[in-house]
Every structure is written in structure tokens, then in C-alpha cells.
Amino acid sequence: MDCCCGSSERSHRDGITFVANPIIITGTNDPQAPHEVSVTNNKLDVNATVSGVSDTNLTEVGGAPVSLGQDTMAASIPVVIASDQSALSVATSTTGTATRTQVADSATDVLLLAANAARLLATIYNDSTVALYVGLGTTTVTTTNYTVIVFPNGFFVSPETFVGQIRGIWASDPGTGGAKITEIAP
């Protein structure tokens, strides 16, 4: 039995009414490969044996195109991990090196920490009695051109992805302390 209804019109054939766009049922008259078709509670069941090559379209899902490679979350296809999936390994990095240095407070721009491509994190504690102006990068830091102000007894943590120079200048030079710096690297 062959039937293809390419429109939303009702089609009657062999006592079956098709009302979909499109419904394709392909069968054979070969008694060795029968296809059973039944309708129960508005559900169409087809019992058939499939052999040979089957084409699967992997370029779209639900009619929407699928791109290859990394994509934004909104344009991605959600993936569900099976409940009986074995444990997935996650690679982590640990460190055992923390280098501590100190820089005295100064009313002129000073290098607090040199660039370090291996840096994972840096912390700066201001134990001076005046504010410390911190700048990320090679540009001279001033009290009007800086990244962040670290007030007396304040603490700053650099962005984890920043490996460049960290510079600083204090509001004045009271000679009462400075910056206590810890750099963490692998």
C-alpha cells in the first residue's frame, strides 16, 4: 500500500482517512515483509521491519538549523546526561606556590607586581594609613587614573584572568606602611 497526502485535505483509501500534512505510508505486497497499521485512541501504530540505509538530517532539529562549533547558550541545543551515566571526570588545577612581597607606601607611581603569565591570582592588602590607588596594566597610576581604590586596611583581589603588571600610588607618603602582596602561581 502506498499513500502520500501532501495537503491538509482528507483522503480516503482502503478505509483509512488521512488528515495530516504530509502523511507518508509506504508498504509492500511482499507477504514475507508485512506492515501492520492500526489506529487506537487517535494513535497510529505502524509495525514494520526497516532494513537498508536510513538517512538522518543532522543539520537541523525541529526545523531550526544547527551550527557546528561553539555557540551562544540561546542558540545551543540542550544536552541531557543519562541518569545511569557513569561519573564524568573534571580536570582541576591546584597550586602550591604563594609568593609574598611588600611595597612601601609612596606618593609616586610604583610597580606592585610584575607581569606573570603563570599567575592564577593576586591579593593586595593596604596596611598604610592612606588610600592606595591600584591600576591594572602598564599605564602610570595617578589618583585620577586607576582601576580601584584600596582604603586603609582594605583588601583587593585581582581578576583571575589578569596576568599583566599591577601598579599603585598612595594618596600621600606618610611612611606608615604599604602593600602586602600575595601572588599565587602553579
Foldseek 3Di string as FASTA:
>chain_A
DWDWDQDQDWDDDPRDTDRDHIDTDDADPPPVWGWDWDADPNDIDIDGDDDDDDDDDPQDDPPHGQDDDDDDPVRDDDDDDDPPDDDDDDDDDDFDDKDKDWDAAAQFKDWPDAFDQQWQKKKKFAQAQFKKFKAAADDTDHPVDGDDIAGHRGMDMDPRNRRHTMMIHTPHRPRRGGIIMMTTGD
